[in-house]
Structure formats: C-alpha cells, structure tokens
Amino acid sequence: MKQTLTQSDYQILAQALDVAARRGAFGAGDMAAVGQLHLKVIQILNQFTPESPKEPESPKEPYIKD
C-alpha cells in the first residue's frame, strides 16, 4: 500500500521541527538543513490552503454617467 502524508501530517512535522530547534535538539551545523526542510514543509502546507479569491478593485472615483 502506498503511504501518503496528509495536511495534518505536514503541520505536525513543521511543529515538531520548530519545537525541536527551539529546545536545542539540533547542533549549529544542522540548523541550515533543518531550516531548509522546515521551509519546504511550510511551502507544501501553503499548497493545501487555496488562495482566497481577490475582490475586484472598486474605482477610485465614482463613475458618473452623463
């Protein structure tokens, strides 16, 4: 069976990386790699959340029909 990660899995992974880094679980030499991995996880999470539709801009001056 093929295993996949869900949005919840990625959220847990991002939180775990953040907590572990704050608690000193990684050495200074590891921080760059951990930071890059965290960034990738956040980018994947951003793909899960659809962008909200942008509202059309209202005209700066009211349109007056002569």
PDB file of N, CA and C in Angstrom:
ATOM      1  N   MET A   1       0.836  -1.168   0.000  1.00  0.00           N
ATOM      2  CA  MET A   1       0.000   0.000   0.000  1.00  0.00           C
ATOM      3  C   MET A   1       0.893   1.248   0.000  1.00  0.00           C
ATOM      4  N   LYS A   2       0.537   2.197  -0.839  1.00  0.00           N
ATOM      5  CA  LYS A   2       1.290   3.435  -0.947  1.00  0.00           C
ATOM      6  C   LYS A   2       0.956   4.348   0.240  1.00  0.00           C
ATOM      7  N   GLN A   3       1.972   4.856   0.895  1.00  0.00           N
ATOM      8  CA  GLN A   3       1.778   5.759   2.023  1.00  0.00           C
ATOM      9  C   GLN A   3       1.832   7.202   1.534  1.00  0.00           C
ATOM     10  N   THR A   4       0.959   8.019   2.041  1.00  0.00           N
ATOM     11  CA  THR A   4       0.961   9.439   1.708  1.00  0.00           C
ATOM     12  C   THR A   4       0.892  10.257   2.989  1.00  0.00           C
ATOM     13  N   LEU A   5       1.311  11.499   2.885  1.00  0.00           N
ATOM     14  CA  LEU A   5       1.228  12.411   4.021  1.00  0.00           C
ATOM     15  C   LEU A   5       0.046  13.335   3.817  1.00  0.00           C
ATOM     16  N   THR A   6      -0.676  13.574   4.884  1.00  0.00           N
ATOM     17  CA  THR A   6      -1.830  14.462   4.833  1.00  0.00           C
ATOM     18  C   THR A   6      -1.415  15.862   5.267  1.00  0.00           C
ATOM     19  N   GLN A   7      -2.326  16.803   5.120  1.00  0.00           N
ATOM     20  CA  GLN A   7      -2.066  18.161   5.567  1.00  0.00           C
ATOM     21  C   GLN A   7      -1.755  18.173   7.061  1.00  0.00           C
ATOM     22  N   SER A   8      -2.472  17.386   7.817  1.00  0.00           N
ATOM     23  CA  SER A   8      -2.238  17.289   9.258  1.00  0.00           C
ATOM     24  C   SER A   8      -0.833  16.760   9.555  1.00  0.00           C
ATOM     25  N   ASP A   9      -0.387  15.780   8.773  1.00  0.00           N
ATOM     26  CA  ASP A   9       0.966  15.238   8.947  1.00  0.00           C
ATOM     27  C   ASP A   9       2.020  16.322   8.738  1.00  0.00           C
ATOM     28  N   TYR A  10       1.840  17.134   7.696  1.00  0.00           N
ATOM     29  CA  TYR A  10       2.793  18.212   7.423  1.00  0.00           C
ATOM     30  C   TYR A  10       2.770  19.261   8.524  1.00  0.00           C
ATOM     31  N   GLN A  11       1.593  19.551   9.084  1.00  0.00           N
ATOM     32  CA  GLN A  11       1.502  20.512  10.179  1.00  0.00           C
ATOM     33  C   GLN A  11       2.251  20.000  11.403  1.00  0.00           C
ATOM     34  N   ILE A  12       2.085  18.711  11.705  1.00  0.00           N
ATOM     35  CA  ILE A  12       2.778  18.111  12.846  1.00  0.00           C
ATOM     36  C   ILE A  12       4.281  18.135  12.619  1.00  0.00           C
ATOM     37  N   LEU A  13       4.708  17.826  11.413  1.00  0.00           N
ATOM     38  CA  LEU A  13       6.133  17.832  11.093  1.00  0.00           C
ATOM     39  C   LEU A  13       6.729  19.223  11.261  1.00  0.00           C
ATOM     40  N   ALA A  14       6.036  20.242  10.758  1.00  0.00           N
ATOM     41  CA  ALA A  14       6.526  21.618  10.892  1.00  0.00           C
ATOM     42  C   ALA A  14       6.623  22.012  12.370  1.00  0.00           C
ATOM     43  N   GLN A  15       5.609  21.655  13.158  1.00  0.00           N
ATOM     44  CA  GLN A  15       5.617  21.977  14.586  1.00  0.00           C
ATOM     45  C   GLN A  15       6.738  21.235  15.305  1.00  0.00           C
ATOM     46  N   ALA A  16       6.943  19.975  14.956  1.00  0.00           N
ATOM     47  CA  ALA A  16       7.989  19.181  15.600  1.00  0.00           C
ATOM     48  C   ALA A  16       9.368  19.754  15.302  1.00  0.00           C
ATOM     49  N   LEU A  17       9.594  20.154  14.064  1.00  0.00           N
ATOM     50  CA  LEU A  17      10.881  20.765  13.709  1.00  0.00           C
ATOM     51  C   LEU A  17      11.095  22.058  14.475  1.00  0.00           C
ATOM     52  N   ASP A  18      10.044  22.861  14.577  1.00  0.00           N
ATOM     53  CA  ASP A  18      10.142  24.138  15.278  1.00  0.00           C
ATOM     54  C   ASP A  18      10.440  23.932  16.763  1.00  0.00           C
ATOM     55  N   VAL A  19       9.698  23.047  17.399  1.00  0.00           N
ATOM     56  CA  VAL A  19       9.889  22.792  18.835  1.00  0.00           C
ATOM     57  C   VAL A  19      11.283  22.209  19.098  1.00  0.00           C
ATOM     58  N   ALA A  20      11.683  21.254  18.277  1.00  0.00           N
ATOM     59  CA  ALA A  20      12.997  20.630  18.469  1.00  0.00           C
ATOM     60  C   ALA A  20      14.117  21.652  18.302  1.00  0.00           C
ATOM     61  N   ALA A  21      13.981  22.553  17.331  1.00  0.00           N
ATOM     62  CA  ALA A  21      15.008  23.581  17.124  1.00  0.00           C
ATOM     63  C   ALA A  21      15.064  24.538  18.313  1.00  0.00           C
ATOM     64  N   ARG A  22      13.907  24.937  18.817  1.00  0.00           N
ATOM     65  CA  ARG A  22      13.885  25.848  19.971  1.00  0.00           C
ATOM     66  C   ARG A  22      14.432  25.200  21.228  1.00  0.00           C
ATOM     67  N   ARG A  23      14.290  23.901  21.342  1.00  0.00           N
ATOM     68  CA  ARG A  23      14.774  23.197  22.540  1.00  0.00           C
ATOM     69  C   ARG A  23      16.220  22.739  22.418  1.00  0.00           C
ATOM     70  N   GLY A  24      16.865  23.085  21.318  1.00  0.00           N
ATOM     71  CA  GLY A  24      18.282  22.776  21.166  1.00  0.00           C
ATOM     72  C   GLY A  24      18.576  21.346  20.745  1.00  0.00           C
ATOM     73  N   ALA A  25      17.635  20.697  20.088  1.00  0.00           N
ATOM     74  CA  ALA A  25      17.835  19.304  19.681  1.00  0.00           C
ATOM     75  C   ALA A  25      18.809  19.172  18.517  1.00  0.00           C
ATOM     76  N   PHE A  26      19.053  20.261  17.814  1.00  0.00           N
ATOM     77  CA  PHE A  26      19.951  20.228  16.665  1.00  0.00           C
ATOM     78  C   PHE A  26      21.182  21.066  16.951  1.00  0.00           C
ATOM     79  N   GLY A  27      22.312  20.599  16.458  1.00  0.00           N
ATOM     80  CA  GLY A  27      23.550  21.355  16.602  1.00  0.00           C
ATOM     81  C   GLY A  27      23.602  22.490  15.589  1.00  0.00           C
ATOM     82  N   ALA A  28      24.539  23.382  15.784  1.00  0.00           N
ATOM     83  CA  ALA A  28      24.670  24.544  14.909  1.00  0.00           C
ATOM     84  C   ALA A  28      24.887  24.128  13.454  1.00  0.00           C
ATOM     85  N   GLY A  29      25.625  23.056  13.232  1.00  0.00           N
ATOM     86  CA  GLY A  29      25.880  22.590  11.876  1.00  0.00           C
ATOM     87  C   GLY A  29      24.661  21.998  11.203  1.00  0.00           C
ATOM     88  N   ASP A  30      23.687  21.615  11.993  1.00  0.00           N
ATOM     89  CA  ASP A  30      22.469  21.013  11.445  1.00  0.00           C
ATOM     90  C   ASP A  30      21.380  22.036  11.145  1.00  0.00           C
ATOM     91  N   MET A  31      21.495  23.218  11.701  1.00  0.00           N
ATOM     92  CA  MET A  31      20.405  24.183  11.635  1.00  0.00           C
ATOM     93  C   MET A  31      20.052  24.611  10.211  1.00  0.00           C
ATOM     94  N   ALA A  32      21.035  24.754   9.332  1.00  0.00           N
ATOM     95  CA  ALA A  32      20.740  25.163   7.956  1.00  0.00           C
ATOM     96  C   ALA A  32      19.874  24.112   7.265  1.00  0.00           C
ATOM     97  N   ALA A  33      20.242  22.853   7.413  1.00  0.00           N
ATOM     98  CA  ALA A  33      19.481  21.774   6.776  1.00  0.00           C
ATOM     99  C   ALA A  33      18.080  21.670   7.375  1.00  0.00           C
ATOM    100  N   VAL A  34      17.980  21.812   8.680  1.00  0.00           N
ATOM    101  CA  VAL A  34      16.679  21.753   9.344  1.00  0.00           C
ATOM    102  C   VAL A  34      15.815  22.933   8.902  1.00  0.00           C
ATOM    103  N   GLY A  35      16.406  24.101   8.791  1.00  0.00           N
ATOM    104  CA  GLY A  35      15.679  25.283   8.343  1.00  0.00           C
ATOM    105  C   GLY A  35      15.167  25.121   6.916  1.00  0.00           C
ATOM    106  N   GLN A  36      15.997  24.549   6.053  1.00  0.00           N
ATOM    107  CA  GLN A  36      15.568  24.315   4.668  1.00  0.00           C
ATOM    108  C   GLN A  36      14.424  23.307   4.616  1.00  0.00           C
ATOM    109  N   LEU A  37      14.505  22.259   5.411  1.00  0.00           N
ATOM    110  CA  LEU A  37      13.432  21.269   5.462  1.00  0.00           C
ATOM    111  C   LEU A  37      12.144  21.904   5.978  1.00  0.00           C
ATOM    112  N   HIS A  38      12.255  22.725   7.018  1.00  0.00           N
ATOM    113  CA  HIS A  38      11.088  23.409   7.578  1.00  0.00           C
ATOM    114  C   HIS A  38      10.447  24.299   6.515  1.00  0.00           C
ATOM    115  N   LEU A  39      11.261  25.010   5.756  1.00  0.00           N
ATOM    116  CA  LEU A  39      10.752  25.876   4.700  1.00  0.00           C
ATOM    117  C   LEU A  39      10.002  25.060   3.640  1.00  0.00           C
ATOM    118  N   LYS A  40      10.543  23.909   3.259  1.00  0.00           N
ATOM    119  CA  LYS A  40       9.872  23.048   2.280  1.00  0.00           C
ATOM    120  C   LYS A  40       8.519  22.570   2.806  1.00  0.00           C
ATOM    121  N   VAL A  41       8.478  22.190   4.067  1.00  0.00           N
ATOM    122  CA  VAL A  41       7.225  21.720   4.666  1.00  0.00           C
ATOM    123  C   VAL A  41       6.192  22.848   4.666  1.00  0.00           C
ATOM    124  N   ILE A  42       6.614  24.059   5.007  1.00  0.00           N
ATOM    125  CA  ILE A  42       5.702  25.212   5.009  1.00  0.00           C
ATOM    126  C   ILE A  42       5.201  25.494   3.597  1.00  0.00           C
ATOM    127  N   GLN A  43       6.075  25.375   2.603  1.00  0.00           N
ATOM    128  CA  GLN A  43       5.648  25.595   1.217  1.00  0.00           C
ATOM    129  C   GLN A  43       4.619  24.547   0.794  1.00  0.00           C
ATOM    130  N   ILE A  44       4.807  23.321   1.200  1.00  0.00           N
ATOM    131  CA  ILE A  44       3.834  22.270   0.900  1.00  0.00           C
ATOM    132  C   ILE A  44       2.511  22.573   1.588  1.00  0.00           C
ATOM    133  N   LEU A  45       2.566  23.011   2.843  1.00  0.00           N
ATOM    134  CA  LEU A  45       1.337  23.364   3.565  1.00  0.00           C
ATOM    135  C   LEU A  45       0.596  24.499   2.865  1.00  0.00           C
ATOM    136  N   ASN A  46       1.335  25.454   2.337  1.00  0.00           N
ATOM    137  CA  ASN A  46       0.705  26.571   1.639  1.00  0.00           C
ATOM    138  C   ASN A  46      -0.020  26.105   0.378  1.00  0.00           C
ATOM    139  N   GLN A  47       0.409  24.998  -0.199  1.00  0.00           N
ATOM    140  CA  GLN A  47      -0.266  24.453  -1.377  1.00  0.00           C
ATOM    141  C   GLN A  47      -1.618  23.853  -0.997  1.00  0.00           C
ATOM    142  N   PHE A  48      -1.770  23.420   0.245  1.00  0.00           N
ATOM    143  CA  PHE A  48      -3.033  22.853   0.707  1.00  0.00           C
ATOM    144  C   PHE A  48      -4.104  23.920   0.866  1.00  0.00           C
ATOM    145  N   THR A  49      -3.707  25.110   1.270  1.00  0.00           N
ATOM    146  CA  THR A  49      -4.677  26.168   1.529  1.00  0.00           C
ATOM    147  C   THR A  49      -4.867  26.992   0.265  1.00  0.00           C
ATOM    148  N   PRO A  50      -6.046  26.937  -0.313  1.00  0.00           N
ATOM    149  CA  PRO A  50      -6.282  27.700  -1.538  1.00  0.00           C
ATOM    150  C   PRO A  50      -6.279  29.191  -1.257  1.00  0.00           C
ATOM    151  N   GLU A  51      -5.822  29.939  -2.237  1.00  0.00           N
ATOM    152  CA  GLU A  51      -5.826  31.392  -2.081  1.00  0.00           C
ATOM    153  C   GLU A  51      -7.265  31.876  -2.102  1.00  0.00           C
ATOM    154  N   SER A  52      -7.540  32.833  -1.250  1.00  0.00           N
ATOM    155  CA  SER A  52      -8.887  33.387  -1.234  1.00  0.00           C
ATOM    156  C   SER A  52      -9.061  34.249  -2.481  1.00  0.00           C
ATOM    157  N   PRO A  53     -10.231  34.187  -3.077  1.00  0.00           N
ATOM    158  CA  PRO A  53     -10.441  34.991  -4.283  1.00  0.00           C
ATOM    159  C   PRO A  53     -10.298  36.471  -3.978  1.00  0.00           C
ATOM    160  N   LYS A  54      -9.629  37.145  -4.857  1.00  0.00           N
ATOM    161  CA  LYS A  54      -9.414  38.577  -4.655  1.00  0.00           C
ATOM    162  C   LYS A  54     -10.666  39.327  -5.071  1.00  0.00           C
ATOM    163  N   GLU A  55     -11.007  40.300  -4.256  1.00  0.00           N
ATOM    164  CA  GLU A  55     -12.176  41.113  -4.567  1.00  0.00           C
ATOM    165  C   GLU A  55     -11.801  42.094  -5.671  1.00  0.00           C
ATOM    166  N   PRO A  56     -12.706  42.338  -6.588  1.00  0.00           N
ATOM    167  CA  PRO A  56     -12.389  43.309  -7.638  1.00  0.00           C
ATOM    168  C   PRO A  56     -12.179  44.690  -7.033  1.00  0.00           C
ATOM    169  N   GLU A  57     -11.240  45.391  -7.608  1.00  0.00           N
ATOM    170  CA  GLU A  57     -10.951  46.724  -7.094  1.00  0.00           C
ATOM    171  C   GLU A  57     -12.095  47.657  -7.465  1.00  0.00           C
ATOM    172  N   SER A  58     -12.476  48.468  -6.513  1.00  0.00           N
ATOM    173  CA  SER A  58     -13.514  49.449  -6.807  1.00  0.00           C
ATOM    174  C   SER A  58     -12.849  50.665  -7.441  1.00  0.00           C
ATOM    175  N   PRO A  59     -13.557  51.342  -8.304  1.00  0.00           N
ATOM    176  CA  PRO A  59     -12.968  52.521  -8.941  1.00  0.00           C
ATOM    177  C   PRO A  59     -12.601  53.561  -7.892  1.00  0.00           C
ATOM    178  N   LYS A  60     -11.528  54.269  -8.156  1.00  0.00           N
ATOM    179  CA  LYS A  60     -11.085  55.272  -7.206  1.00  0.00           C
ATOM    180  C   LYS A  60     -12.049  56.451  -7.154  1.00  0.00           C
ATOM    181  N   GLU A  61     -12.613  56.784  -8.304  1.00  0.00           N
ATOM    182  CA  GLU A  61     -13.603  57.857  -8.352  1.00  0.00           C
ATOM    183  C   GLU A  61     -14.921  57.238  -8.828  1.00  0.00           C
ATOM    184  N   PRO A  62     -16.022  57.667  -8.275  1.00  0.00           N
ATOM    185  CA  PRO A  62     -17.288  57.084  -8.708  1.00  0.00           C
ATOM    186  C   PRO A  62     -17.527  57.378 -10.186  1.00  0.00           C
ATOM    187  N   TYR A  63     -18.086  56.386 -10.838  1.00  0.00           N
ATOM    188  CA  TYR A  63     -18.423  56.529 -12.255  1.00  0.00           C
ATOM    189  C   TYR A  63     -19.720  57.326 -12.377  1.00  0.00           C
ATOM    190  N   ILE A  64     -19.664  58.406 -13.097  1.00  0.00           N
ATOM    191  CA  ILE A  64     -20.844  59.234 -13.297  1.00  0.00           C
ATOM    192  C   ILE A  64     -21.194  59.208 -14.775  1.00  0.00           C
ATOM    193  N   LYS A  65     -22.380  58.726 -15.054  1.00  0.00           N
ATOM    194  CA  LYS A  65     -22.846  58.633 -16.439  1.00  0.00           C
ATOM    195  C   LYS A  65     -23.598  59.927 -16.769  1.00  0.00           C
ATOM    196  N   ASP A  66     -23.181  60.581 -17.825  1.00  0.00           N
ATOM    197  CA  ASP A  66     -23.829  61.814 -18.236  1.00  0.00           C
ATOM    198  C   ASP A  66     -25.052  61.564 -19.058  1.00  0.00           C
TER     199      ASP A  66
END
